[in-house]
């Protein structure tokens, strides 16, 4: 009785779908970690600025932090897709 998951066609298909091209490199992960650290500092600065009373500048800091987080997620988006595919 042949097992379909052990055939050469499915084995080669699973190898090609698990290629390292979909996974983020060390530079991408390190870069996104630094961007997330920058976003944390921006959010903390926005909190301090909001407590000081300047709501407009605090809002600008929050918007910049959201943009930085979006950039970090985009940087490792390929790796996230590879993990979600299983």
C-alpha atoms as a PDB file:
ATOM      1  CA  UNK A   1       0.000   0.000   0.000  1.00  0.00           C
ATOM      2  CA  UNK A   2       1.727   3.209  -1.158  1.00  0.00           C
ATOM      3  CA  UNK A   3       1.784   6.124   1.226  1.00  0.00           C
ATOM      4  CA  UNK A   4       1.148   9.381  -0.653  1.00  0.00           C
ATOM      5  CA  UNK A   5       3.142  11.487   1.776  1.00  0.00           C
ATOM      6  CA  UNK A   6       6.286   9.415   1.135  1.00  0.00           C
ATOM      7  CA  UNK A   7       6.347   9.704  -2.652  1.00  0.00           C
ATOM      8  CA  UNK A   8       9.151  11.580  -4.352  1.00  0.00           C
ATOM      9  CA  UNK A   9       6.805  14.125  -5.927  1.00  0.00           C
ATOM     10  CA  UNK A  10       5.371  15.234  -2.602  1.00  0.00           C
ATOM     11  CA  UNK A  11       8.819  15.120  -0.974  1.00  0.00           C
ATOM     12  CA  UNK A  12      10.284  17.448  -3.579  1.00  0.00           C
ATOM     13  CA  UNK A  13       7.257  19.757  -3.281  1.00  0.00           C
ATOM     14  CA  UNK A  14       7.656  19.981   0.485  1.00  0.00           C
ATOM     15  CA  UNK A  15      11.359  20.724   0.150  1.00  0.00           C
ATOM     16  CA  UNK A  16      10.722  23.520  -2.330  1.00  0.00           C
ATOM     17  CA  UNK A  17       8.030  25.078  -0.127  1.00  0.00           C
ATOM     18  CA  UNK A  18      10.374  25.005   2.871  1.00  0.00           C
ATOM     19  CA  UNK A  19      13.131  26.936   1.172  1.00  0.00           C
ATOM     20  CA  UNK A  20      15.251  29.372   3.119  1.00  0.00           C
ATOM     21  CA  UNK A  21      14.271  32.198   0.753  1.00  0.00           C
ATOM     22  CA  UNK A  22      11.011  32.662   2.676  1.00  0.00           C
ATOM     23  CA  UNK A  23      12.693  32.960   6.038  1.00  0.00           C
ATOM     24  CA  UNK A  24      14.144  36.237   7.287  1.00  0.00           C
ATOM     25  CA  UNK A  25      17.890  36.579   7.530  1.00  0.00           C
ATOM     26  CA  UNK A  26      19.751  37.595  10.647  1.00  0.00           C
ATOM     27  CA  UNK A  27      20.081  41.151   9.378  1.00  0.00           C
ATOM     28  CA  UNK A  28      16.330  41.414   8.873  1.00  0.00           C
ATOM     29  CA  UNK A  29      15.572  40.091  12.342  1.00  0.00           C
ATOM     30  CA  UNK A  30      18.236  42.293  13.932  1.00  0.00           C
ATOM     31  CA  UNK A  31      17.053  45.324  12.010  1.00  0.00           C
ATOM     32  CA  UNK A  32      13.457  44.775  13.002  1.00  0.00           C
ATOM     33  CA  UNK A  33      14.508  44.311  16.640  1.00  0.00           C
ATOM     34  CA  UNK A  34      16.308  47.655  16.551  1.00  0.00           C
ATOM     35  CA  UNK A  35      13.309  49.294  14.912  1.00  0.00           C
ATOM     36  CA  UNK A  36      11.015  47.901  17.604  1.00  0.00           C
ATOM     37  CA  UNK A  37      13.390  49.231  20.268  1.00  0.00           C
ATOM     38  CA  UNK A  38      13.245  52.648  18.608  1.00  0.00           C
ATOM     39  CA  UNK A  39       9.444  52.445  18.564  1.00  0.00           C
ATOM     40  CA  UNK A  40       9.414  51.675  22.289  1.00  0.00           C
ATOM     41  CA  UNK A  41      11.532  54.761  22.975  1.00  0.00           C
ATOM     42  CA  UNK A  42       9.229  56.850  20.788  1.00  0.00           C
ATOM     43  CA  UNK A  43       6.146  55.636  22.658  1.00  0.00           C
ATOM     44  CA  UNK A  44       7.790  56.363  26.012  1.00  0.00           C
ATOM     45  CA  UNK A  45       8.725  59.834  24.761  1.00  0.00           C
ATOM     46  CA  UNK A  46       5.139  60.362  23.643  1.00  0.00           C
ATOM     47  CA  UNK A  47       3.947  59.445  27.130  1.00  0.00           C
ATOM     48  CA  UNK A  48       6.314  61.950  28.742  1.00  0.00           C
ATOM     49  CA  UNK A  49       5.339  64.654  26.251  1.00  0.00           C
ATOM     50  CA  UNK A  50       1.624  63.968  26.830  1.00  0.00           C
ATOM     51  CA  UNK A  51       2.077  64.275  30.601  1.00  0.00           C
ATOM     52  CA  UNK A  52       3.878  67.566  30.020  1.00  0.00           C
ATOM     53  CA  UNK A  53       0.782  68.798  28.214  1.00  0.00           C
ATOM     54  CA  UNK A  54       1.695  68.982  24.535  1.00  0.00           C
ATOM     55  CA  UNK A  55      -0.872  66.646  23.004  1.00  0.00           C
ATOM     56  CA  UNK A  56      -0.131  67.481  19.385  1.00  0.00           C
ATOM     57  CA  UNK A  57       3.544  66.567  19.582  1.00  0.00           C
ATOM     58  CA  UNK A  58       2.707  63.448  21.606  1.00  0.00           C
ATOM     59  CA  UNK A  59       0.311  62.390  18.846  1.00  0.00           C
ATOM     60  CA  UNK A  60       3.002  62.940  16.250  1.00  0.00           C
ATOM     61  CA  UNK A  61       5.388  60.750  18.271  1.00  0.00           C
ATOM     62  CA  UNK A  62       2.757  58.012  18.445  1.00  0.00           C
ATOM     63  CA  UNK A  63       2.185  58.186  14.687  1.00  0.00           C
ATOM     64  CA  UNK A  64       5.919  57.948  14.015  1.00  0.00           C
ATOM     65  CA  UNK A  65       6.137  54.966  16.386  1.00  0.00           C
ATOM     66  CA  UNK A  66       3.289  53.217  14.568  1.00  0.00           C
ATOM     67  CA  UNK A  67       5.064  53.810  11.258  1.00  0.00           C
ATOM     68  CA  UNK A  68       8.293  52.358  12.672  1.00  0.00           C
ATOM     69  CA  UNK A  69       6.440  49.265  13.947  1.00  0.00           C
ATOM     70  CA  UNK A  70       4.828  48.835  10.530  1.00  0.00           C
ATOM     71  CA  UNK A  71       8.271  49.029   8.927  1.00  0.00           C
ATOM     72  CA  UNK A  72       9.642  46.410  11.307  1.00  0.00           C
ATOM     73  CA  UNK A  73       6.767  44.060  10.562  1.00  0.00           C
ATOM     74  CA  UNK A  74       7.199  44.587   6.841  1.00  0.00           C
ATOM     75  CA  UNK A  75      10.898  43.781   7.188  1.00  0.00           C
ATOM     76  CA  UNK A  76      10.183  40.278   8.485  1.00  0.00           C
ATOM     77  CA  UNK A  77       6.877  39.758   6.676  1.00  0.00           C
ATOM     78  CA  UNK A  78       8.249  36.946   4.517  1.00  0.00           C
ATOM     79  CA  UNK A  79       9.316  35.017   7.590  1.00  0.00           C
ATOM     80  CA  UNK A  80       5.942  35.531   9.208  1.00  0.00           C
ATOM     81  CA  UNK A  81       4.234  34.130   6.121  1.00  0.00           C
ATOM     82  CA  UNK A  82       6.540  31.096   6.148  1.00  0.00           C
ATOM     83  CA  UNK A  83       5.775  30.385   9.806  1.00  0.00           C
ATOM     84  CA  UNK A  84       2.015  30.780   9.310  1.00  0.00           C
ATOM     85  CA  UNK A  85       2.053  28.395   6.344  1.00  0.00           C
ATOM     86  CA  UNK A  86       3.374  25.711   8.637  1.00  0.00           C
END
